[in-house]
Protein backbone atom coordinates (compact mmCIF):
# COMPACT_ATOMS: atom_id res chain seq x y z
CA UNK A 1 47.53 64.17 -101.91
CA UNK A 2 50.56 64.32 -104.14
CA UNK A 3 52.66 63.34 -101.74
CA UNK A 4 50.40 60.99 -100.78
CA UNK A 5 50.26 59.59 -104.36
CA UNK A 6 53.87 59.54 -104.47
CA UNK A 7 54.89 57.50 -101.21
CA UNK A 8 52.14 55.15 -101.83
CA UNK A 9 53.62 54.12 -105.48
CA UNK A 10 57.68 53.92 -103.49
CA UNK A 11 55.87 51.52 -101.14
CA UNK A 12 55.31 50.04 -103.64
CA UNK A 13 58.49 49.39 -105.07
CA UNK A 14 59.66 47.84 -101.91
CA UNK A 15 56.25 45.47 -102.00
CA UNK A 16 57.64 44.56 -105.24
CA UNK A 17 61.49 44.02 -104.46
CA UNK A 18 60.27 41.45 -101.31
CA UNK A 19 58.05 39.78 -103.54
CA UNK A 20 60.84 39.55 -106.13
CA UNK A 21 63.13 38.17 -103.97
CA UNK A 22 61.32 35.83 -102.09
CA UNK A 23 60.51 34.35 -105.60
CA UNK A 24 63.62 34.76 -107.49
CA UNK A 25 66.20 32.80 -104.60
CA UNK A 26 66.55 32.83 -100.83
CA UNK A 27 70.03 33.05 -98.97
CA UNK A 28 71.37 30.11 -97.68
CA UNK A 29 71.30 28.41 -94.30
CA UNK A 30 74.56 27.91 -94.30
CA UNK A 31 74.18 31.80 -91.82
CA UNK A 32 78.18 32.36 -90.96
CA UNK A 33 79.05 28.77 -90.53
CA UNK A 34 82.75 28.99 -91.28
CA UNK A 35 83.32 25.92 -93.48
CA UNK A 36 86.14 25.43 -94.94
CA UNK A 37 87.49 23.01 -97.38
CA UNK A 38 90.85 21.04 -98.36
CA UNK A 39 92.14 18.51 -101.30
CA UNK A 40 95.26 16.29 -101.39
CA UNK A 41 95.37 16.36 -104.96
CA UNK A 42 98.11 18.68 -106.32
CA UNK A 43 97.49 21.75 -108.37
CA UNK A 44 94.16 23.03 -107.46
CA UNK A 45 93.06 24.61 -104.38
CA UNK A 46 89.35 23.49 -102.91
CA UNK A 47 86.68 27.06 -102.16
CA UNK A 48 84.20 27.47 -100.04
CA UNK A 49 81.69 29.74 -100.69
CA UNK A 50 78.32 31.25 -99.24
CA UNK A 51 75.51 31.06 -101.96
CA UNK A 52 71.96 30.97 -103.05
CA UNK A 53 69.31 28.78 -103.26
CA UNK A 54 67.69 28.90 -106.47
CA UNK A 55 64.21 28.92 -106.52
CA UNK A 56 64.71 25.06 -108.21
CA UNK A 57 66.81 24.02 -105.46
CA UNK A 58 64.96 25.45 -103.00
CA UNK A 59 61.84 23.37 -104.42
CA UNK A 60 63.18 20.53 -104.14
CA UNK A 61 65.83 20.77 -100.43
CA UNK A 62 63.62 19.25 -98.18
CA UNK A 63 62.56 16.92 -99.79
CA UNK A 64 66.14 15.45 -100.50
CA UNK A 65 67.17 15.09 -96.63
CA UNK A 66 64.32 12.94 -96.59
CA UNK A 67 65.06 10.79 -98.47
CA UNK A 68 69.10 10.77 -97.65
CA UNK A 69 68.88 11.28 -94.09
CA UNK A 70 65.42 9.28 -92.82
CA UNK A 71 64.94 9.91 -89.75
CA UNK A 72 67.85 11.58 -89.01
CA UNK A 73 66.86 14.30 -91.41
CA UNK A 74 65.80 17.53 -90.18
CA UNK A 75 64.98 20.13 -92.47
CA UNK A 76 65.82 23.16 -90.56
CA UNK A 77 68.92 21.43 -89.56
CA UNK A 78 70.99 21.97 -92.61
CA UNK A 79 74.57 24.03 -93.77
CA UNK A 80 74.31 24.61 -97.86
CA UNK A 81 77.28 26.69 -99.20
CA UNK A 82 79.39 27.00 -103.16
CA UNK A 83 82.23 24.18 -103.74
CA UNK A 84 84.81 25.51 -106.07
CA UNK A 85 88.29 24.49 -107.41
CA UNK A 86 90.95 27.38 -108.65
CA UNK A 87 94.14 26.50 -109.91
CA UNK A 88 96.71 27.53 -107.69
CA UNK A 89 98.60 29.04 -111.32
CA UNK A 90 96.26 31.21 -113.18
CA UNK A 91 94.24 30.94 -109.38
CA UNK A 92 91.09 30.38 -112.22
CA UNK A 93 88.00 28.43 -111.84
CA UNK A 94 88.19 25.09 -112.87
CA UNK A 95 85.67 23.31 -111.20
CA UNK A 96 84.12 21.58 -114.71
CA UNK A 97 87.65 21.72 -117.06
CA UNK A 98 89.06 19.21 -114.10
CA UNK A 99 89.80 16.41 -115.62
CA UNK A 100 90.47 15.02 -111.70
CA UNK A 101 87.98 13.78 -110.36
CA UNK A 102 86.53 11.56 -109.14
CA UNK A 103 87.97 14.42 -106.35
CA UNK A 104 88.14 13.85 -102.33
CA UNK A 105 87.45 17.01 -100.22
CA UNK A 106 88.23 17.10 -96.37
CA UNK A 107 85.53 19.43 -95.16
CA UNK A 108 85.62 21.32 -91.99
CA UNK A 109 83.67 23.14 -89.22
CA UNK A 110 81.45 22.88 -85.94
CA UNK A 111 78.67 20.51 -87.24
CA UNK A 112 81.07 18.43 -89.19
CA UNK A 113 81.31 15.17 -86.50
CA UNK A 114 77.18 15.13 -87.08
CA UNK A 115 76.76 15.30 -90.06
CA UNK A 116 74.21 12.27 -91.37
CA UNK A 117 74.54 12.85 -95.05
CA UNK A 118 75.51 15.10 -97.77
CA UNK A 119 74.27 16.38 -100.74
CA UNK A 120 74.69 18.17 -104.27
CA UNK A 121 73.30 19.74 -106.98
CA UNK A 122 73.65 18.13 -109.67
CA UNK A 123 72.64 21.18 -112.87
CA UNK A 124 71.68 18.69 -115.31
CA UNK A 125 68.87 16.28 -113.78
CA UNK A 126 67.93 19.68 -111.99
CA UNK A 127 68.36 17.03 -108.54
CA UNK A 128 70.38 16.94 -105.20
CA UNK A 129 72.00 14.05 -105.71
CA UNK A 130 73.38 11.82 -102.34
CA UNK A 131 77.74 11.39 -101.82
CA UNK A 132 79.15 9.26 -100.92
CA UNK A 133 81.43 10.92 -97.21
CA UNK A 134 82.77 9.39 -93.91
CA UNK A 135 83.39 10.88 -90.77
CA UNK A 136 87.36 10.92 -89.67
CA UNK A 137 88.96 13.10 -86.79
CA UNK A 138 85.89 15.43 -86.97
CA UNK A 139 85.92 16.15 -90.45
CA UNK A 140 83.53 15.15 -93.50
CA UNK A 141 85.07 13.40 -96.28
CA UNK A 142 84.06 13.47 -99.34
CA UNK A 143 84.11 12.44 -102.70
CA UNK A 144 82.58 14.77 -105.66
CA UNK A 145 82.33 13.50 -109.75
CA UNK A 146 81.76 18.08 -110.38
CA UNK A 147 81.59 20.32 -107.94
CA UNK A 148 78.76 23.08 -107.16
CA UNK A 149 76.26 23.60 -104.06
CA UNK A 150 76.43 20.86 -101.98
CA UNK A 151 74.28 20.59 -98.35
CA UNK A 152 75.54 18.70 -95.45
CA UNK A 153 72.65 17.27 -93.22
CA UNK A 154 72.83 18.05 -89.39
CA UNK A 155 72.48 15.25 -87.71
CA UNK A 156 68.45 15.97 -85.86
CA UNK A 157 68.57 16.79 -82.39
CA UNK A 158 71.68 18.33 -82.51
CA UNK A 159 72.69 22.17 -82.31
CA UNK A 160 73.32 22.96 -85.54
CA UNK A 161 75.52 26.65 -86.46
CA UNK A 162 73.30 27.44 -89.44
CA UNK A 163 70.96 27.69 -86.20
CA UNK A 164 72.14 28.92 -83.40
CA UNK A 165 73.74 32.38 -85.91
CA UNK A 166 71.06 32.79 -88.13
CA UNK A 167 70.03 36.07 -85.73
CA UNK A 168 73.44 37.50 -85.82
CA UNK A 169 74.16 37.23 -89.51
CA UNK A 170 70.74 37.96 -90.69
CA UNK A 171 70.31 34.76 -93.00
CA UNK A 172 67.17 32.78 -92.89
CA UNK A 173 66.74 29.09 -92.98
CA UNK A 174 66.68 27.27 -96.69
CA UNK A 175 62.99 26.83 -95.79
CA UNK A 176 61.27 29.75 -94.75
CA UNK A 177 62.53 32.21 -96.90
CA UNK A 178 61.59 34.79 -93.49
CA UNK A 179 63.69 37.65 -95.10
CA UNK A 180 61.43 37.87 -98.21
CA UNK A 181 58.13 37.92 -96.18
CA UNK A 182 59.74 40.88 -93.84
CA UNK A 183 60.36 42.98 -96.47
CA UNK A 184 56.96 42.01 -97.43
CA UNK A 185 55.54 42.64 -94.10
CA UNK A 186 57.17 45.54 -93.53
CA UNK A 187 56.03 47.82 -96.73
CA UNK A 188 52.05 47.34 -96.06
CA UNK A 189 52.90 48.31 -92.26
CA UNK A 190 54.55 51.53 -93.88
CA UNK A 191 51.88 51.74 -96.57
CA UNK A 192 49.28 51.75 -93.80
CA UNK A 193 51.29 54.14 -91.69
CA UNK A 194 51.75 56.44 -94.66
CA UNK A 195 47.83 56.03 -95.47
CA UNK A 196 46.86 57.40 -92.21
CA UNK A 197 48.72 59.68 -91.51
CA UNK A 198 48.34 61.68 -94.84
CA UNK A 199 44.45 60.91 -93.85
CA UNK A 200 44.64 62.55 -90.64
CA UNK A 201 46.66 65.93 -92.17
CA UNK A 202 44.66 66.69 -94.60
CA UNK A 203 41.56 67.32 -92.53
CA UNK A 204 43.41 69.32 -89.88
CA UNK A 205 44.13 71.19 -93.23
CA UNK A 206 40.73 71.48 -94.02
CA UNK A 207 39.49 72.03 -90.74
CA UNK A 208 42.16 75.27 -90.16
CA UNK A 209 41.13 75.98 -93.75
CA UNK A 210 36.84 75.85 -93.36
CA UNK A 211 37.78 78.27 -89.83
């Protein structure tokens, strides 16, 4: 019985971790997409990293994508990343202190030619804003007045890197939160199996003792 209680308690912890992961933030849907950014501005370098959506960003992304792209919108077909700039001398993040805004950044990635809208997160308003952009030579040129999480909305019906590579990277699309659900379902299955196993073991032990 002690083993049963210990096992169920451990699985309960796993279950709680899965719920927390789902509630606090979700992986961005870049799913291994390699996005690079460059700028002609001197003294700085553009850095593009994977990011994790906060709960507020997650709740508002679908509506923002639909509002920006209309009929071309596909909330399952977006690439989101964290874009910031560093000083080439100090190598420090100067995204918030940079005085050269508005800043134009050119992004290169597989689906760049299919981008129909570009959104970026505004911490002051807690919302996704639409950025001015253009497509030149298969690259996306975007002008920012500040830098943070950036979402590239891919044309509906096109093959997005975020969709095609999700299985290899283990990341989920922005709206599903699949990873968190996997933890929850796995914990339930394991807990059920543990209860069945120990219940059967105890019955067998009782039978042997009686004999």
